[in-house]
Amino acid sequence: MGMLALLREIAGFPLWLASPLAIEVSILSNFTLNDFWTWGDRRFRKYWGRLLRYHLSVGITGFGINYPIFLALTYLAKLPYFWANIIGIGFASAGNFLLNHFWTYKKPQKFD
């Protein structure tokens, strides 16, 4: 939310561009937090493998759920971008957790 506001209000980016940039920053910063805190005891893969899986998982929900909801609520429903983003994040959060819990930080099997 902070990066979205910074890109929009301070840097003057259009919302359609500020949102995906803010999503990307949040993916990278949240990976760092989740890798050490949420799933710190489940780091079975190498760092770059975890980062790639996390980025793919959160990218699916961030760019596939959050961003379209954000665009629809901002441009079609004329909701303020702050609230549109909060709603999009809410819908994407459950998918983020499930994909990361059961794929990114899943204990590898012999065929992984």
N, C-alpha and C. Protein backbone atom coordinates (compact mmCIF):
# COMPACT_ATOMS: atom_id res chain seq x y z
N MET A 1 0.83 -1.18 0.00
CA MET A 1 0.00 0.00 0.00
C MET A 1 0.88 1.25 0.00
N GLY A 2 1.93 1.20 0.78
CA GLY A 2 2.82 2.36 0.85
C GLY A 2 3.51 2.62 -0.48
N MET A 3 3.96 1.58 -1.13
CA MET A 3 4.63 1.74 -2.43
C MET A 3 3.65 2.24 -3.47
N LEU A 4 2.42 1.75 -3.45
CA LEU A 4 1.40 2.22 -4.39
C LEU A 4 1.16 3.72 -4.19
N ALA A 5 1.01 4.13 -2.95
CA ALA A 5 0.79 5.55 -2.66
C ALA A 5 2.01 6.39 -3.07
N LEU A 6 3.20 5.89 -2.79
CA LEU A 6 4.42 6.61 -3.17
C LEU A 6 4.52 6.77 -4.69
N LEU A 7 4.29 5.69 -5.41
CA LEU A 7 4.37 5.74 -6.87
C LEU A 7 3.29 6.65 -7.46
N ARG A 8 2.11 6.63 -6.87
CA ARG A 8 1.00 7.44 -7.39
C ARG A 8 1.10 8.90 -6.96
N GLU A 9 1.21 9.12 -5.67
CA GLU A 9 1.11 10.48 -5.13
C GLU A 9 2.41 11.27 -5.23
N ILE A 10 3.53 10.63 -5.03
CA ILE A 10 4.82 11.34 -5.05
C ILE A 10 5.44 11.32 -6.45
N ALA A 11 5.52 10.12 -7.04
CA ALA A 11 6.17 9.99 -8.35
C ALA A 11 5.23 10.31 -9.51
N GLY A 12 3.91 10.32 -9.27
CA GLY A 12 2.95 10.69 -10.30
C GLY A 12 2.67 9.62 -11.35
N PHE A 13 2.99 8.37 -11.05
CA PHE A 13 2.71 7.28 -12.00
C PHE A 13 1.20 7.12 -12.17
N PRO A 14 0.76 6.75 -13.36
CA PRO A 14 -0.66 6.42 -13.53
C PRO A 14 -0.97 5.14 -12.74
N LEU A 15 -2.21 5.01 -12.30
CA LEU A 15 -2.58 3.86 -11.47
C LEU A 15 -2.34 2.52 -12.16
N TRP A 16 -2.62 2.45 -13.47
CA TRP A 16 -2.45 1.19 -14.18
C TRP A 16 -1.00 0.71 -14.17
N LEU A 17 -0.04 1.62 -13.99
CA LEU A 17 1.37 1.27 -13.92
C LEU A 17 1.87 1.19 -12.47
N ALA A 18 1.38 2.08 -11.62
CA ALA A 18 1.82 2.09 -10.23
C ALA A 18 1.46 0.78 -9.52
N SER A 19 0.28 0.24 -9.82
CA SER A 19 -0.16 -0.98 -9.15
C SER A 19 0.74 -2.18 -9.45
N PRO A 20 1.03 -2.52 -10.71
CA PRO A 20 1.90 -3.69 -10.92
C PRO A 20 3.32 -3.48 -10.38
N LEU A 21 3.81 -2.25 -10.43
CA LEU A 21 5.14 -1.99 -9.84
C LEU A 21 5.11 -2.20 -8.33
N ALA A 22 4.05 -1.74 -7.69
CA ALA A 22 3.91 -1.93 -6.24
C ALA A 22 3.73 -3.40 -5.91
N ILE A 23 3.00 -4.14 -6.75
CA ILE A 23 2.84 -5.57 -6.54
C ILE A 23 4.21 -6.26 -6.60
N GLU A 24 5.03 -5.90 -7.57
CA GLU A 24 6.35 -6.51 -7.70
C GLU A 24 7.23 -6.22 -6.48
N VAL A 25 7.22 -4.99 -6.01
CA VAL A 25 7.99 -4.64 -4.82
C VAL A 25 7.49 -5.45 -3.61
N SER A 26 6.17 -5.58 -3.50
CA SER A 26 5.62 -6.34 -2.36
C SER A 26 5.97 -7.82 -2.47
N ILE A 27 6.00 -8.36 -3.68
CA ILE A 27 6.38 -9.77 -3.84
C ILE A 27 7.79 -9.99 -3.30
N LEU A 28 8.72 -9.13 -3.67
CA LEU A 28 10.11 -9.31 -3.25
C LEU A 28 10.30 -9.07 -1.75
N SER A 29 9.66 -8.03 -1.23
CA SER A 29 9.82 -7.76 0.21
C SER A 29 9.09 -8.81 1.05
N ASN A 30 7.92 -9.24 0.61
CA ASN A 30 7.19 -10.26 1.36
C ASN A 30 7.89 -11.61 1.30
N PHE A 31 8.57 -11.91 0.21
CA PHE A 31 9.35 -13.14 0.16
C PHE A 31 10.38 -13.15 1.28
N THR A 32 11.08 -12.06 1.42
CA THR A 32 12.11 -11.98 2.46
C THR A 32 11.52 -12.22 3.84
N LEU A 33 10.41 -11.56 4.14
CA LEU A 33 9.77 -11.73 5.45
C LEU A 33 9.25 -13.16 5.63
N ASN A 34 8.56 -13.66 4.64
CA ASN A 34 7.99 -15.01 4.76
C ASN A 34 9.05 -16.09 4.78
N ASP A 35 10.13 -15.90 4.06
CA ASP A 35 11.19 -16.90 4.01
C ASP A 35 11.85 -17.07 5.38
N PHE A 36 11.94 -16.00 6.13
CA PHE A 36 12.56 -16.08 7.44
C PHE A 36 11.56 -16.31 8.57
N TRP A 37 10.37 -15.77 8.44
CA TRP A 37 9.43 -15.80 9.56
C TRP A 37 8.35 -16.87 9.37
N THR A 38 7.49 -16.72 8.38
CA THR A 38 6.35 -17.61 8.23
C THR A 38 6.78 -19.05 7.97
N TRP A 39 7.67 -19.25 7.01
CA TRP A 39 8.10 -20.59 6.65
C TRP A 39 9.59 -20.78 6.90
N GLY A 40 10.13 -20.11 7.90
CA GLY A 40 11.56 -20.22 8.21
C GLY A 40 12.00 -21.63 8.54
N ASP A 41 11.09 -22.44 9.05
CA ASP A 41 11.43 -23.82 9.40
C ASP A 41 11.20 -24.78 8.24
N ARG A 42 10.81 -24.26 7.08
CA ARG A 42 10.50 -25.12 5.92
C ARG A 42 11.32 -24.72 4.70
N ARG A 43 12.54 -24.32 4.92
CA ARG A 43 13.40 -23.93 3.79
C ARG A 43 14.16 -25.15 3.29
N PHE A 44 13.44 -26.02 2.58
CA PHE A 44 14.02 -27.27 2.11
C PHE A 44 14.80 -27.08 0.81
N ARG A 45 14.40 -26.10 0.02
CA ARG A 45 15.05 -25.86 -1.27
C ARG A 45 16.09 -24.75 -1.13
N LYS A 46 16.93 -24.63 -2.15
CA LYS A 46 17.91 -23.55 -2.16
C LYS A 46 17.19 -22.21 -2.29
N TYR A 47 17.88 -21.15 -1.89
CA TYR A 47 17.31 -19.80 -1.87
C TYR A 47 16.65 -19.44 -3.20
N TRP A 48 17.37 -19.60 -4.31
CA TRP A 48 16.85 -19.17 -5.62
C TRP A 48 15.65 -20.00 -6.04
N GLY A 49 15.62 -21.27 -5.66
CA GLY A 49 14.46 -22.10 -5.94
C GLY A 49 13.24 -21.64 -5.17
N ARG A 50 13.44 -21.29 -3.89
CA ARG A 50 12.33 -20.77 -3.08
C ARG A 50 11.85 -19.44 -3.65
N LEU A 51 12.78 -18.56 -4.01
CA LEU A 51 12.40 -17.26 -4.56
C LEU A 51 11.62 -17.42 -5.85
N LEU A 52 12.06 -18.30 -6.73
CA LEU A 52 11.36 -18.52 -7.99
C LEU A 52 9.95 -19.06 -7.75
N ARG A 53 9.82 -20.07 -6.91
CA ARG A 53 8.50 -20.63 -6.61
C ARG A 53 7.60 -19.59 -5.95
N TYR A 54 8.15 -18.84 -5.00
CA TYR A 54 7.36 -17.81 -4.33
C TYR A 54 6.89 -16.76 -5.34
N HIS A 55 7.81 -16.33 -6.17
CA HIS A 55 7.47 -15.29 -7.15
C HIS A 55 6.40 -15.77 -8.11
N LEU A 56 6.50 -17.00 -8.57
CA LEU A 56 5.47 -17.55 -9.44
C LEU A 56 4.13 -17.65 -8.73
N SER A 57 4.15 -18.15 -7.49
CA SER A 57 2.90 -18.30 -6.72
C SER A 57 2.22 -16.96 -6.49
N VAL A 58 2.96 -16.03 -5.98
CA VAL A 58 2.38 -14.73 -5.65
C VAL A 58 2.10 -13.93 -6.92
N GLY A 59 2.90 -14.16 -7.95
CA GLY A 59 2.62 -13.50 -9.22
C GLY A 59 1.28 -13.94 -9.79
N ILE A 60 0.96 -15.21 -9.64
CA ILE A 60 -0.33 -15.71 -10.13
C ILE A 60 -1.47 -14.99 -9.43
N THR A 61 -1.39 -14.89 -8.12
CA THR A 61 -2.49 -14.25 -7.39
C THR A 61 -2.41 -12.72 -7.46
N GLY A 62 -1.21 -12.18 -7.41
CA GLY A 62 -1.06 -10.72 -7.47
C GLY A 62 -1.48 -10.14 -8.80
N PHE A 63 -0.98 -10.75 -9.87
CA PHE A 63 -1.30 -10.22 -11.21
C PHE A 63 -2.55 -10.86 -11.80
N GLY A 64 -2.97 -12.00 -11.26
CA GLY A 64 -4.15 -12.67 -11.78
C GLY A 64 -5.43 -12.40 -11.00
N ILE A 65 -5.29 -11.99 -9.74
CA ILE A 65 -6.46 -11.70 -8.91
C ILE A 65 -6.46 -10.25 -8.46
N ASN A 66 -5.42 -9.86 -7.73
CA ASN A 66 -5.38 -8.50 -7.17
C ASN A 66 -5.45 -7.42 -8.25
N TYR A 67 -4.60 -7.52 -9.25
CA TYR A 67 -4.52 -6.46 -10.27
C TYR A 67 -5.83 -6.30 -11.06
N PRO A 68 -6.44 -7.39 -11.55
CA PRO A 68 -7.72 -7.21 -12.26
C PRO A 68 -8.83 -6.63 -11.38
N ILE A 69 -8.87 -7.07 -10.12
CA ILE A 69 -9.87 -6.51 -9.20
C ILE A 69 -9.59 -5.02 -8.99
N PHE A 70 -8.32 -4.69 -8.79
CA PHE A 70 -7.92 -3.29 -8.61
C PHE A 70 -8.36 -2.44 -9.81
N LEU A 71 -8.08 -2.92 -11.01
CA LEU A 71 -8.45 -2.17 -12.21
C LEU A 71 -9.96 -2.01 -12.33
N ALA A 72 -10.69 -3.10 -12.11
CA ALA A 72 -12.15 -3.05 -12.24
C ALA A 72 -12.76 -2.10 -11.22
N LEU A 73 -12.30 -2.18 -9.98
CA LEU A 73 -12.88 -1.33 -8.93
C LEU A 73 -12.46 0.13 -9.09
N THR A 74 -11.26 0.36 -9.57
CA THR A 74 -10.77 1.73 -9.73
C THR A 74 -11.38 2.40 -10.96
N TYR A 75 -11.29 1.73 -12.10
CA TYR A 75 -11.70 2.36 -13.36
C TYR A 75 -13.17 2.16 -13.70
N LEU A 76 -13.74 1.03 -13.35
CA LEU A 76 -15.15 0.79 -13.69
C LEU A 76 -16.10 1.21 -12.57
N ALA A 77 -15.78 0.80 -11.35
CA ALA A 77 -16.65 1.12 -10.21
C ALA A 77 -16.33 2.48 -9.59
N LYS A 78 -15.22 3.10 -10.03
CA LYS A 78 -14.79 4.43 -9.56
C LYS A 78 -14.53 4.47 -8.05
N LEU A 79 -14.10 3.34 -7.48
CA LEU A 79 -13.73 3.29 -6.08
C LEU A 79 -12.35 3.94 -5.92
N PRO A 80 -12.11 4.64 -4.82
CA PRO A 80 -10.76 5.18 -4.60
C PRO A 80 -9.72 4.05 -4.65
N TYR A 81 -8.56 4.34 -5.24
CA TYR A 81 -7.57 3.29 -5.47
C TYR A 81 -7.11 2.60 -4.19
N PHE A 82 -7.09 3.33 -3.08
CA PHE A 82 -6.69 2.74 -1.80
C PHE A 82 -7.61 1.57 -1.45
N TRP A 83 -8.91 1.79 -1.52
CA TRP A 83 -9.89 0.76 -1.17
C TRP A 83 -9.92 -0.35 -2.21
N ALA A 84 -9.76 0.00 -3.46
CA ALA A 84 -9.72 -1.02 -4.51
C ALA A 84 -8.54 -1.96 -4.29
N ASN A 85 -7.42 -1.42 -3.89
CA ASN A 85 -6.24 -2.24 -3.64
C ASN A 85 -6.42 -3.11 -2.41
N ILE A 86 -6.99 -2.57 -1.36
CA ILE A 86 -7.25 -3.35 -0.14
C ILE A 86 -8.15 -4.55 -0.47
N ILE A 87 -9.19 -4.32 -1.25
CA ILE A 87 -10.11 -5.40 -1.62
C ILE A 87 -9.39 -6.44 -2.48
N GLY A 88 -8.60 -5.98 -3.45
CA GLY A 88 -7.84 -6.91 -4.28
C GLY A 88 -6.85 -7.73 -3.48
N ILE A 89 -6.17 -7.10 -2.54
CA ILE A 89 -5.24 -7.82 -1.67
C ILE A 89 -5.98 -8.86 -0.84
N GLY A 90 -7.15 -8.49 -0.34
CA GLY A 90 -7.94 -9.44 0.44
C GLY A 90 -8.28 -10.69 -0.33
N PHE A 91 -8.72 -10.53 -1.57
CA PHE A 91 -9.05 -11.69 -2.40
C PHE A 91 -7.83 -12.52 -2.75
N ALA A 92 -6.69 -11.88 -2.95
CA ALA A 92 -5.48 -12.59 -3.36
C ALA A 92 -4.77 -13.26 -2.18
N SER A 93 -4.98 -12.78 -0.98
CA SER A 93 -4.22 -13.28 0.17
C SER A 93 -4.40 -14.77 0.44
N ALA A 94 -5.62 -15.26 0.38
CA ALA A 94 -5.84 -16.69 0.64
C ALA A 94 -5.12 -17.54 -0.39
N GLY A 95 -5.20 -17.14 -1.65
CA GLY A 95 -4.49 -17.88 -2.69
C GLY A 95 -2.99 -17.84 -2.50
N ASN A 96 -2.47 -16.69 -2.10
CA ASN A 96 -1.04 -16.56 -1.82
C ASN A 96 -0.60 -17.58 -0.77
N PHE A 97 -1.32 -17.59 0.34
CA PHE A 97 -0.93 -18.48 1.43
C PHE A 97 -0.99 -19.94 1.00
N LEU A 98 -2.09 -20.33 0.37
CA LEU A 98 -2.25 -21.73 -0.02
C LEU A 98 -1.20 -22.19 -1.03
N LEU A 99 -0.94 -21.39 -2.03
CA LEU A 99 0.08 -21.77 -3.02
C LEU A 99 1.46 -21.89 -2.38
N ASN A 100 1.79 -20.95 -1.51
CA ASN A 100 3.12 -21.00 -0.89
C ASN A 100 3.23 -22.11 0.15
N HIS A 101 2.17 -22.33 0.90
CA HIS A 101 2.21 -23.36 1.93
C HIS A 101 2.33 -24.75 1.31
N PHE A 102 1.58 -24.99 0.23
CA PHE A 102 1.53 -26.33 -0.34
C PHE A 102 2.42 -26.53 -1.57
N TRP A 103 3.11 -25.48 -2.03
CA TRP A 103 3.99 -25.66 -3.18
C TRP A 103 5.38 -25.09 -2.92
N THR A 104 5.48 -23.80 -2.65
CA THR A 104 6.80 -23.17 -2.46
C THR A 104 7.56 -23.80 -1.31
N TYR A 105 6.91 -23.94 -0.16
CA TYR A 105 7.58 -24.42 1.04
C TYR A 105 7.19 -25.84 1.42
N LYS A 106 6.69 -26.59 0.46
CA LYS A 106 6.37 -28.00 0.68
C LYS A 106 7.68 -28.78 0.71
N LYS A 107 7.73 -29.77 1.58
CA LYS A 107 8.91 -30.62 1.63
C LYS A 107 9.02 -31.37 0.30
N PRO A 108 10.18 -31.29 -0.36
CA PRO A 108 10.33 -31.95 -1.66
C PRO A 108 10.18 -33.46 -1.56
N GLN A 109 9.55 -34.03 -2.55
CA GLN A 109 9.46 -35.48 -2.69
C GLN A 109 10.60 -35.92 -3.59
N LYS A 110 10.78 -37.19 -3.74
CA LYS A 110 11.87 -37.71 -4.56
C LYS A 110 11.76 -37.23 -6.00
N PHE A 111 10.54 -37.00 -6.49
CA PHE A 111 10.35 -36.59 -7.90
C PHE A 111 10.35 -35.09 -8.08
N ASP A 112 10.50 -34.29 -7.02
CA ASP A 112 10.51 -32.82 -7.14
C ASP A 112 11.80 -32.34 -7.74
